[in-house]
C-alpha atoms as a PDB file:
ATOM      1  CA  ARG A   1     -16.884   7.237  -6.629  1.00  0.00           C
ATOM      2  CA  MET A   2     -19.719   7.461  -4.321  1.00  0.00           C
ATOM      3  CA  THR A   3     -22.938   9.723  -4.687  1.00  0.00           C
ATOM      4  CA  ILE A   4     -24.911  10.365  -1.563  1.00  0.00           C
ATOM      5  CA  PRO A   5     -28.339  12.168  -1.359  1.00  0.00           C
ATOM      6  CA  VAL A   6     -28.732  14.626   1.507  1.00  0.00           C
ATOM      7  CA  GLU A   7     -32.089  15.186   1.996  1.00  0.00           C
ATOM      8  CA  LYS A   8     -33.128  18.834   2.989  1.00  0.00           C
ATOM      9  CA  ALA A   9     -36.505  20.608   3.429  1.00  0.00           C
ATOM     10  CA  HIS A  10     -36.475  22.623   0.190  1.00  0.00           C
ATOM     11  CA  SER A  11     -33.928  20.685  -1.702  1.00  0.00           C
ATOM     12  CA  VAL A  12     -31.813  17.594  -2.200  1.00  0.00           C
ATOM     13  CA  THR A  13     -27.827  18.071  -2.187  1.00  0.00           C
ATOM     14  CA  TYR A  14     -26.030  15.078  -4.153  1.00  0.00           C
ATOM     15  CA  VAL A  15     -22.639  14.828  -2.580  1.00  0.00           C
ATOM     16  CA  VAL A  16     -19.991  13.053  -4.788  1.00  0.00           C
ATOM     17  CA  ALA A  17     -16.734  11.777  -3.460  1.00  0.00           C
ATOM     18  CA  ASP A  18     -13.845   9.852  -4.610  1.00  0.00           C
ATOM     19  CA  PHE A  19     -11.766   8.380  -1.693  1.00  0.00           C
ATOM     20  CA  ALA A  20      -8.174   7.329  -0.962  1.00  0.00           C
ATOM     21  CA  LEU A  21      -6.744   5.757   2.331  1.00  0.00           C
ATOM     22  CA  LYS A  22      -3.502   6.508   3.876  1.00  0.00           C
ATOM     23  CA  LEU A  23      -2.613   3.180   5.862  1.00  0.00           C
ATOM     24  CA  ASP A  24       0.059   2.512   8.255  1.00  0.00           C
ATOM     25  CA  SER A  25       1.942  -0.287   6.075  1.00  0.00           C
ATOM     26  CA  MET A  26       2.419  -1.463   2.734  1.00  0.00           C
ATOM     27  CA  GLU A  27       1.182  -4.896   4.037  1.00  0.00           C
ATOM     28  CA  LEU A  28      -2.004  -3.484   4.837  1.00  0.00           C
ATOM     29  CA  ALA A  29      -2.510  -1.903   1.471  1.00  0.00           C
ATOM     30  CA  GLU A  30      -1.985  -5.336   0.074  1.00  0.00           C
ATOM     31  CA  ARG A  31      -4.577  -6.735   2.345  1.00  0.00           C
ATOM     32  CA  TYR A  32      -7.159  -4.185   1.627  1.00  0.00           C
ATOM     33  CA  LYS A  33      -6.690  -4.380  -1.963  1.00  0.00           C
ATOM     34  CA  ARG A  34      -8.049  -7.870  -2.086  1.00  0.00           C
ATOM     35  CA  VAL A  35     -11.482  -8.244  -3.330  1.00  0.00           C
ATOM     36  CA  GLU A  36     -13.249  -9.276  -0.187  1.00  0.00           C
ATOM     37  CA  GLU A  37     -11.568  -6.563   2.051  1.00  0.00           C
ATOM     38  CA  ALA A  38     -12.070  -3.923  -0.874  1.00  0.00           C
ATOM     39  CA  THR A  39     -15.849  -4.566  -0.943  1.00  0.00           C
ATOM     40  CA  ARG A  40     -16.115  -4.551   2.982  1.00  0.00           C
ATOM     41  CA  ILE A  41     -14.314  -1.322   3.359  1.00  0.00           C
ATOM     42  CA  ARG A  42     -16.593   0.007   0.288  1.00  0.00           C
ATOM     43  CA  ASP A  43     -19.641  -0.775   2.351  1.00  0.00           C
ATOM     44  CA  SER A  44     -18.296   0.911   5.237  1.00  0.00           C
ATOM     45  CA  LEU A  45     -17.639   4.096   3.588  1.00  0.00           C
ATOM     46  CA  LEU A  46     -21.167   3.970   2.097  1.00  0.00           C
ATOM     47  CA  THR A  47     -22.338   3.559   5.540  1.00  0.00           C
ATOM     48  CA  ALA A  48     -20.306   6.282   6.954  1.00  0.00           C
ATOM     49  CA  MET A  49     -21.404   8.776   4.185  1.00  0.00           C
ATOM     50  CA  ASN A  50     -25.054   7.810   4.972  1.00  0.00           C
ATOM     51  CA  LEU A  51     -24.407   8.715   8.481  1.00  0.00           C
ATOM     52  CA  ALA A  52     -22.515  11.865   7.815  1.00  0.00           C
ATOM     53  CA  ALA A  53     -25.524  12.874   5.298  1.00  0.00           C
ATOM     54  CA  GLU A  54     -27.657  12.833   8.849  1.00  0.00           C
ATOM     55  CA  SER A  55     -25.189  14.970  10.460  1.00  0.00           C
ATOM     56  CA  ALA A  56     -24.202  18.709  10.318  1.00  0.00           C
ATOM     57  CA  VAL A  57     -21.134  17.926   8.443  1.00  0.00           C
ATOM     58  CA  LEU A  58     -23.045  17.595   5.110  1.00  0.00           C
ATOM     59  CA  ARG A  59     -25.908  19.711   5.861  1.00  0.00           C
ATOM     60  CA  GLY A  60     -24.280  23.165   6.022  1.00  0.00           C
ATOM     61  CA  VAL A  61     -23.819  25.543   2.832  1.00  0.00           C
ATOM     62  CA  ALA A  62     -20.310  24.240   2.156  1.00  0.00           C
ATOM     63  CA  ILE A  63     -18.886  20.862   3.211  1.00  0.00           C
ATOM     64  CA  ASP A  64     -16.242  20.841   5.766  1.00  0.00           C
ATOM     65  CA  SER A  65     -13.963  18.109   4.381  1.00  0.00           C
ATOM     66  CA  ASP A  66     -11.551  18.072   7.341  1.00  0.00           C
ATOM     67  CA  ALA A  67     -14.563  17.308   9.459  1.00  0.00           C
ATOM     68  CA  LEU A  68     -16.012  14.546   6.987  1.00  0.00           C
ATOM     69  CA  SER A  69     -12.699  13.077   6.637  1.00  0.00           C
ATOM     70  CA  ALA A  70     -12.249  12.665  10.589  1.00  0.00           C
ATOM     71  CA  LEU A  71     -15.663  11.360  10.836  1.00  0.00           C
ATOM     72  CA  ILE A  72     -15.386   8.555   8.338  1.00  0.00           C
ATOM     73  CA  ARG A  73     -11.630   7.785   9.623  1.00  0.00           C
ATOM     74  CA  ASP A  74     -12.964   7.458  13.057  1.00  0.00           C
ATOM     75  CA  LEU A  75     -15.902   5.321  11.888  1.00  0.00           C
ATOM     76  CA  LEU A  76     -13.483   2.948   9.650  1.00  0.00           C
ATOM     77  CA  SER A  77     -11.001   2.641  12.377  1.00  0.00           C
ATOM     78  CA  LYS A  78     -13.412   0.611  14.661  1.00  0.00           C
ATOM     79  CA  ASP A  79     -13.570  -2.117  11.984  1.00  0.00           C
ATOM     80  CA  TYR A  80     -10.285  -1.764  10.256  1.00  0.00           C
ATOM     81  CA  ALA A  81      -6.854  -1.352  11.828  1.00  0.00           C
ATOM     82  CA  GLY A  82      -4.298   0.873  10.470  1.00  0.00           C
ATOM     83  CA  ILE A  83      -6.191   3.481   8.615  1.00  0.00           C
ATOM     84  CA  ARG A  84      -4.455   6.649   9.293  1.00  0.00           C
ATOM     85  CA  ASP A  85      -6.257   9.244   7.220  1.00  0.00           C
ATOM     86  CA  VAL A  86      -9.292   9.254   4.718  1.00  0.00           C
ATOM     87  CA  MET A  87      -8.421  11.812   1.801  1.00  0.00           C
ATOM     88  CA  PHE A  88     -10.594  12.936  -0.982  1.00  0.00           C
ATOM     89  CA  VAL A  89      -9.686  12.835  -4.594  1.00  0.00           C
ATOM     90  CA  SER A  90     -12.537  14.600  -5.464  1.00  0.00           C
ATOM     91  CA  LEU A  91     -15.299  16.064  -3.122  1.00  0.00           C
ATOM     92  CA  TYR A  92     -18.007  18.403  -4.709  1.00  0.00           C
ATOM     93  CA  LYS A  93     -22.004  18.629  -4.242  1.00  0.00           C
ATOM     94  CA  HIS A  94     -24.906  19.855  -6.503  1.00  0.00           C
ATOM     95  CA  ASP A  95     -28.093  21.147  -4.950  1.00  0.00           C
ATOM     96  CA  VAL A  96     -31.392  20.277  -6.745  1.00  0.00           C
ATOM     97  CA  VAL A  97     -34.476  22.218  -5.526  1.00  0.00           C
ATOM     98  CA  ARG A  98     -37.748  20.570  -4.631  1.00  0.00           C
ATOM     99  CA  LEU A  99     -40.533  21.637  -6.901  1.00  0.00           C
END
C-alpha cells in the first residue's frame, strides 16, 4: 500500500493504492517475489506514482485508473521484463483543503 500526496493550489489530495502485477510467467513471479527484486519494484512503483502525481493523471477530479495503470506499466516495463499489466486491488483518494 502506498500513499502519494498530490499538491494542488488549494488542497492536497492523498492517493492511496494497493497494487497487483500481471506477469508473463510463474517463473517471473517467483523471481519478483524475492526480497531484492520486490524492493526494487516497490521503489519503482513509488517513483512512477510520484511522476503521475505531477501529471494530469492524478490531478483531475477523478482518478483515471486505466491511464494510471498504463503509465505505471510503461514505466516499469523499461526495467522489468514481463510485466503485462498493473492492476489496483484498491485505489482511492482523499482531498484535504489548505487553510
